[in-house]
Amino acid sequence: GNIMPPKKVYDMDGNEIEPEEEELVTESETTLTEVDYGLLMLFIGQFVLIGSFDDTGVPQAFFFKTMGGCADQMTSVPCVYWFVMVVTILSNLASNVPVVQMLAATFPFATPYDWIQVSFSATIGGNLTMLGSAANMIVAFQAAKVGDRTFTSERHAPFGIPSTLGALYLGTFILTLVHFSPECSVKLG
């Protein structure tokens, strides 16, 4: 049969590289060059800041003050709607992932249903603004890296605000129906 000639490799200047001169580039090296270290530092900073802030007791006091009489029954109707609104506002002030970390310190003995509401409201509510969702920030950073600066808060708001509020209201309503069904309550604890 035909023997294929060896594949030729060229450097950045177009010069042919002999096989023994070729550097081995591993998948790990390629992956490490794709990491956005600025964004990584932003998230690390958020976790350090929120973790330190938790230790002061201020978030817990703020949460209980904000929730008022609903603090002890945060996922019962009508308190659940106020609870979802508080989590949504917090998620958009400090981003949804650090807020969930903060809430874990605020009520460590919450029921599984309480955590479903936290997860739902932080995840969906975080999409209200660009800052509220890690995914939104990643998309904005990636778009900016390639020169596209059109993914902004102003362009996100006309879709993000109404769709987030609608999804929050409808989803919270559905979760209240599921929570009180006997089979779900038994499965959730």
C-alpha atoms as a PDB file:
ATOM      1  CA  GLY A   1       0.000   0.000   0.000  1.00  0.00           C
ATOM      2  CA  ASN A   2       0.651   3.650  -0.094  1.00  0.00           C
ATOM      3  CA  ILE A   3       2.606   5.034   2.781  1.00  0.00           C
ATOM      4  CA  MET A   4       1.396   8.491   3.789  1.00  0.00           C
ATOM      5  CA  PRO A   5       4.117  11.085   4.158  1.00  0.00           C
ATOM      6  CA  PRO A   6       4.605  12.247   7.734  1.00  0.00           C
ATOM      7  CA  LYS A   7       2.506  15.199   8.836  1.00  0.00           C
ATOM      8  CA  LYS A   8       4.432  18.449   8.711  1.00  0.00           C
ATOM      9  CA  VAL A   9       4.236  20.825  11.656  1.00  0.00           C
ATOM     10  CA  TYR A  10       4.977  24.548  11.429  1.00  0.00           C
ATOM     11  CA  ASP A  11       5.818  27.190  14.019  1.00  0.00           C
ATOM     12  CA  MET A  12       4.174  30.635  14.236  1.00  0.00           C
ATOM     13  CA  ASP A  13       6.562  32.037  11.620  1.00  0.00           C
ATOM     14  CA  GLY A  14       5.732  29.303   9.105  1.00  0.00           C
ATOM     15  CA  ASN A  15       9.000  27.400   9.541  1.00  0.00           C
ATOM     16  CA  GLU A  16       8.797  23.620   9.429  1.00  0.00           C
ATOM     17  CA  ILE A  17       9.459  21.958  12.770  1.00  0.00           C
ATOM     18  CA  GLU A  18      11.199  18.613  12.829  1.00  0.00           C
ATOM     19  CA  PRO A  19       9.412  15.954  14.914  1.00  0.00           C
ATOM     20  CA  GLU A  20      12.177  15.892  17.540  1.00  0.00           C
ATOM     21  CA  GLU A  21      11.883  19.687  17.965  1.00  0.00           C
ATOM     22  CA  GLU A  22       8.088  19.610  18.370  1.00  0.00           C
ATOM     23  CA  GLU A  23       6.883  20.440  21.869  1.00  0.00           C
ATOM     24  CA  LEU A  24       4.332  18.170  23.409  1.00  0.00           C
ATOM     25  CA  VAL A  25       1.253  20.182  24.388  1.00  0.00           C
ATOM     26  CA  THR A  26      -0.983  18.317  26.780  1.00  0.00           C
ATOM     27  CA  GLU A  27      -4.708  18.696  27.246  1.00  0.00           C
ATOM     28  CA  SER A  28      -4.061  20.070  30.748  1.00  0.00           C
ATOM     29  CA  GLU A  29      -1.857  22.835  29.358  1.00  0.00           C
ATOM     30  CA  THR A  30      -4.502  23.724  26.793  1.00  0.00           C
ATOM     31  CA  THR A  31      -7.234  23.726  29.446  1.00  0.00           C
ATOM     32  CA  LEU A  32      -5.206  25.925  31.796  1.00  0.00           C
ATOM     33  CA  THR A  33      -4.800  28.552  29.089  1.00  0.00           C
ATOM     34  CA  GLU A  34      -8.609  28.727  28.750  1.00  0.00           C
ATOM     35  CA  VAL A  35      -9.213  29.603  32.422  1.00  0.00           C
ATOM     36  CA  ASP A  36     -10.375  33.170  32.974  1.00  0.00           C
ATOM     37  CA  TYR A  37      -8.291  33.965  36.036  1.00  0.00           C
ATOM     38  CA  GLY A  38      -9.880  37.395  36.533  1.00  0.00           C
ATOM     39  CA  LEU A  39     -13.329  35.835  36.776  1.00  0.00           C
ATOM     40  CA  LEU A  40     -11.970  33.096  39.029  1.00  0.00           C
ATOM     41  CA  MET A  41     -10.541  35.748  41.373  1.00  0.00           C
ATOM     42  CA  LEU A  42     -13.902  37.552  41.383  1.00  0.00           C
ATOM     43  CA  PHE A  43     -15.663  34.394  42.592  1.00  0.00           C
ATOM     44  CA  ILE A  44     -12.965  33.589  45.152  1.00  0.00           C
ATOM     45  CA  GLY A  45     -13.269  37.139  46.462  1.00  0.00           C
ATOM     46  CA  GLN A  46     -17.046  36.794  46.722  1.00  0.00           C
ATOM     47  CA  PHE A  47     -16.751  33.602  48.765  1.00  0.00           C
ATOM     48  CA  VAL A  48     -14.100  35.053  51.081  1.00  0.00           C
ATOM     49  CA  LEU A  49     -16.132  38.230  51.584  1.00  0.00           C
ATOM     50  CA  ILE A  50     -19.425  36.413  52.200  1.00  0.00           C
ATOM     51  CA  GLY A  51     -17.723  33.861  54.485  1.00  0.00           C
ATOM     52  CA  SER A  52     -16.179  36.655  56.550  1.00  0.00           C
ATOM     53  CA  PHE A  53     -19.464  38.576  56.560  1.00  0.00           C
ATOM     54  CA  ASP A  54     -21.290  35.457  57.835  1.00  0.00           C
ATOM     55  CA  ASP A  55     -19.003  35.339  60.853  1.00  0.00           C
ATOM     56  CA  THR A  56     -20.204  38.773  61.981  1.00  0.00           C
ATOM     57  CA  GLY A  57     -23.809  37.603  62.487  1.00  0.00           C
ATOM     58  CA  VAL A  58     -25.091  40.598  60.502  1.00  0.00           C
ATOM     59  CA  PRO A  59     -26.594  38.511  57.655  1.00  0.00           C
ATOM     60  CA  GLN A  60     -28.527  36.374  60.112  1.00  0.00           C
ATOM     61  CA  ALA A  61     -29.848  39.424  61.981  1.00  0.00           C
ATOM     62  CA  PHE A  62     -30.727  41.138  58.689  1.00  0.00           C
ATOM     63  CA  PHE A  63     -32.554  38.058  57.418  1.00  0.00           C
ATOM     64  CA  PHE A  64     -34.628  37.615  60.591  1.00  0.00           C
ATOM     65  CA  LYS A  65     -35.404  41.348  60.741  1.00  0.00           C
ATOM     66  CA  THR A  66     -36.412  41.408  57.061  1.00  0.00           C
ATOM     67  CA  MET A  67     -38.534  38.277  57.339  1.00  0.00           C
ATOM     68  CA  GLY A  68     -40.266  39.574  60.488  1.00  0.00           C
ATOM     69  CA  GLY A  69     -43.031  37.234  61.667  1.00  0.00           C
ATOM     70  CA  CYS A  70     -42.374  34.978  58.695  1.00  0.00           C
ATOM     71  CA  ALA A  71     -38.865  34.006  59.856  1.00  0.00           C
ATOM     72  CA  ASP A  72     -40.106  30.843  61.582  1.00  0.00           C
ATOM     73  CA  GLN A  73     -42.492  29.827  58.808  1.00  0.00           C
ATOM     74  CA  MET A  74     -40.630  31.116  55.768  1.00  0.00           C
ATOM     75  CA  THR A  75     -41.885  28.484  53.341  1.00  0.00           C
ATOM     76  CA  SER A  76     -45.557  28.504  54.281  1.00  0.00           C
ATOM     77  CA  VAL A  77     -48.088  30.546  52.299  1.00  0.00           C
ATOM     78  CA  PRO A  78     -48.099  33.610  52.222  1.00  0.00           C
ATOM     79  CA  CYS A  79     -44.646  33.958  53.828  1.00  0.00           C
ATOM     80  CA  VAL A  80     -42.999  31.941  51.051  1.00  0.00           C
ATOM     81  CA  TYR A  81     -43.618  34.759  48.558  1.00  0.00           C
ATOM     82  CA  TRP A  82     -41.897  37.282  50.846  1.00  0.00           C
ATOM     83  CA  PHE A  83     -39.070  34.787  51.437  1.00  0.00           C
ATOM     84  CA  VAL A  84     -38.573  34.325  47.676  1.00  0.00           C
ATOM     85  CA  MET A  85     -38.498  38.096  47.196  1.00  0.00           C
ATOM     86  CA  VAL A  86     -35.866  38.535  49.949  1.00  0.00           C
ATOM     87  CA  VAL A  87     -33.678  35.777  48.468  1.00  0.00           C
ATOM     88  CA  THR A  88     -34.103  37.304  44.988  1.00  0.00           C
ATOM     89  CA  ILE A  89     -33.038  40.764  46.175  1.00  0.00           C
ATOM     90  CA  LEU A  90     -30.049  39.338  48.057  1.00  0.00           C
ATOM     91  CA  SER A  91     -29.078  37.229  45.037  1.00  0.00           C
ATOM     92  CA  ASN A  92     -28.972  40.326  42.881  1.00  0.00           C
ATOM     93  CA  LEU A  93     -26.924  42.311  45.384  1.00  0.00           C
ATOM     94  CA  ALA A  94     -24.236  39.699  45.977  1.00  0.00           C
ATOM     95  CA  SER A  95     -24.806  37.032  43.256  1.00  0.00           C
ATOM     96  CA  ASN A  96     -26.804  33.881  43.822  1.00  0.00           C
ATOM     97  CA  VAL A  97     -24.049  31.406  44.751  1.00  0.00           C
ATOM     98  CA  PRO A  98     -22.557  33.409  47.666  1.00  0.00           C
ATOM     99  CA  VAL A  99     -26.082  34.203  48.915  1.00  0.00           C
ATOM    100  CA  VAL A 100     -26.893  30.503  49.187  1.00  0.00           C
ATOM    101  CA  GLN A 101     -23.652  30.082  51.142  1.00  0.00           C
ATOM    102  CA  MET A 102     -24.764  32.909  53.444  1.00  0.00           C
ATOM    103  CA  LEU A 103     -28.234  31.418  53.891  1.00  0.00           C
ATOM    104  CA  ALA A 104     -26.696  28.076  54.879  1.00  0.00           C
ATOM    105  CA  ALA A 105     -25.247  29.823  57.931  1.00  0.00           C
ATOM    106  CA  THR A 106     -28.534  31.627  58.580  1.00  0.00           C
ATOM    107  CA  PHE A 107     -30.699  28.538  58.924  1.00  0.00           C
ATOM    108  CA  PRO A 108     -28.560  25.395  59.152  1.00  0.00           C
ATOM    109  CA  PHE A 109     -31.472  23.175  60.249  1.00  0.00           C
ATOM    110  CA  ALA A 110     -33.832  23.990  57.387  1.00  0.00           C
ATOM    111  CA  THR A 111     -36.023  21.248  55.941  1.00  0.00           C
ATOM    112  CA  PRO A 112     -35.404  19.781  52.494  1.00  0.00           C
ATOM    113  CA  TYR A 113     -38.399  21.765  51.214  1.00  0.00           C
ATOM    114  CA  ASP A 114     -36.887  24.993  52.587  1.00  0.00           C
ATOM    115  CA  TRP A 115     -33.706  24.248  50.628  1.00  0.00           C
ATOM    116  CA  ILE A 116     -35.703  23.554  47.470  1.00  0.00           C
ATOM    117  CA  GLN A 117     -37.234  27.030  47.827  1.00  0.00           C
ATOM    118  CA  VAL A 118     -33.800  28.578  48.476  1.00  0.00           C
ATOM    119  CA  SER A 119     -32.343  26.807  45.461  1.00  0.00           C
ATOM    120  CA  PHE A 120     -35.236  27.748  43.225  1.00  0.00           C
ATOM    121  CA  SER A 121     -35.435  31.386  44.268  1.00  0.00           C
ATOM    122  CA  ALA A 122     -31.669  31.989  44.200  1.00  0.00           C
ATOM    123  CA  THR A 123     -31.255  30.274  40.828  1.00  0.00           C
ATOM    124  CA  ILE A 124     -34.219  31.857  39.070  1.00  0.00           C
ATOM    125  CA  GLY A 125     -34.115  35.131  41.008  1.00  0.00           C
ATOM    126  CA  GLY A 126     -30.449  35.609  40.197  1.00  0.00           C
ATOM    127  CA  ASN A 127     -31.382  36.089  36.555  1.00  0.00           C
ATOM    128  CA  LEU A 128     -33.161  39.352  37.365  1.00  0.00           C
ATOM    129  CA  THR A 129     -29.891  41.260  36.787  1.00  0.00           C
ATOM    130  CA  MET A 130     -26.454  40.614  35.295  1.00  0.00           C
ATOM    131  CA  LEU A 131     -24.777  40.500  38.725  1.00  0.00           C
ATOM    132  CA  GLY A 132     -27.302  38.077  40.207  1.00  0.00           C
ATOM    133  CA  SER A 133     -26.218  35.060  38.206  1.00  0.00           C
ATOM    134  CA  ALA A 134     -22.745  33.629  37.808  1.00  0.00           C
ATOM    135  CA  ALA A 135     -23.780  32.376  34.372  1.00  0.00           C
ATOM    136  CA  ASN A 136     -24.749  35.897  33.260  1.00  0.00           C
ATOM    137  CA  MET A 137     -21.395  37.264  34.409  1.00  0.00           C
ATOM    138  CA  ILE A 138     -19.490  34.489  32.638  1.00  0.00           C
ATOM    139  CA  VAL A 139     -21.363  35.139  29.383  1.00  0.00           C
ATOM    140  CA  ALA A 140     -20.710  38.886  29.661  1.00  0.00           C
ATOM    141  CA  PHE A 141     -16.991  38.323  30.355  1.00  0.00           C
ATOM    142  CA  GLN A 142     -16.655  35.857  27.478  1.00  0.00           C
ATOM    143  CA  ALA A 143     -18.465  38.167  25.067  1.00  0.00           C
ATOM    144  CA  ALA A 144     -16.254  41.077  26.118  1.00  0.00           C
ATOM    145  CA  LYS A 145     -13.138  38.954  25.539  1.00  0.00           C
ATOM    146  CA  VAL A 146     -14.026  38.648  21.872  1.00  0.00           C
ATOM    147  CA  GLY A 147     -14.926  42.315  21.581  1.00  0.00           C
ATOM    148  CA  ASP A 148     -18.709  42.021  21.925  1.00  0.00           C
ATOM    149  CA  ARG A 149     -19.770  44.533  24.545  1.00  0.00           C
ATOM    150  CA  THR A 150     -23.494  44.306  23.765  1.00  0.00           C
ATOM    151  CA  PHE A 151     -24.358  41.903  26.605  1.00  0.00           C
ATOM    152  CA  THR A 152     -24.987  44.621  29.193  1.00  0.00           C
ATOM    153  CA  SER A 153     -27.342  45.182  32.108  1.00  0.00           C
ATOM    154  CA  GLU A 154     -29.402  47.604  30.041  1.00  0.00           C
ATOM    155  CA  ARG A 155     -29.913  45.066  27.255  1.00  0.00           C
ATOM    156  CA  HIS A 156     -30.522  42.219  29.692  1.00  0.00           C
ATOM    157  CA  ALA A 157     -33.170  44.053  31.775  1.00  0.00           C
ATOM    158  CA  PRO A 158     -36.082  44.180  29.275  1.00  0.00           C
ATOM    159  CA  PHE A 159     -36.083  40.394  29.040  1.00  0.00           C
ATOM    160  CA  GLY A 160     -34.485  39.437  32.364  1.00  0.00           C
ATOM    161  CA  ILE A 161     -36.795  41.335  34.712  1.00  0.00           C
ATOM    162  CA  PRO A 162     -40.242  40.266  33.420  1.00  0.00           C
ATOM    163  CA  SER A 163     -39.225  36.678  32.648  1.00  0.00           C
ATOM    164  CA  THR A 164     -37.576  36.261  36.057  1.00  0.00           C
ATOM    165  CA  LEU A 165     -40.521  37.702  37.984  1.00  0.00           C
ATOM    166  CA  GLY A 166     -42.996  35.559  36.028  1.00  0.00           C
ATOM    167  CA  ALA A 167     -40.959  32.390  36.520  1.00  0.00           C
ATOM    168  CA  LEU A 168     -40.488  33.147  40.215  1.00  0.00           C
ATOM    169  CA  TYR A 169     -44.185  33.680  40.859  1.00  0.00           C
ATOM    170  CA  LEU A 170     -45.330  30.655  38.853  1.00  0.00           C
ATOM    171  CA  GLY A 171     -42.587  28.372  40.172  1.00  0.00           C
ATOM    172  CA  THR A 172     -43.175  29.380  43.781  1.00  0.00           C
ATOM    173  CA  PHE A 173     -46.896  28.758  43.334  1.00  0.00           C
ATOM    174  CA  ILE A 174     -46.240  25.288  41.881  1.00  0.00           C
ATOM    175  CA  LEU A 175     -43.759  24.450  44.662  1.00  0.00           C
ATOM    176  CA  THR A 176     -46.348  25.375  47.309  1.00  0.00           C
ATOM    177  CA  LEU A 177     -48.764  22.915  45.707  1.00  0.00           C
ATOM    178  CA  VAL A 178     -46.164  20.148  45.572  1.00  0.00           C
ATOM    179  CA  HIS A 179     -45.005  20.752  49.147  1.00  0.00           C
ATOM    180  CA  PHE A 180     -48.406  20.075  50.633  1.00  0.00           C
ATOM    181  CA  SER A 181     -49.083  16.886  48.706  1.00  0.00           C
ATOM    182  CA  PRO A 182     -48.698  13.916  51.079  1.00  0.00           C
ATOM    183  CA  GLU A 183     -46.275  11.890  48.933  1.00  0.00           C
ATOM    184  CA  CYS A 184     -43.922  14.861  48.459  1.00  0.00           C
ATOM    185  CA  SER A 185     -43.976  15.805  52.151  1.00  0.00           C
ATOM    186  CA  VAL A 186     -43.100  12.235  53.097  1.00  0.00           C
ATOM    187  CA  LYS A 187     -40.264  12.064  50.564  1.00  0.00           C
ATOM    188  CA  LEU A 188     -38.873  15.452  51.590  1.00  0.00           C
ATOM    189  CA  GLY A 189     -39.005  14.814  55.327  1.00  0.00           C
END
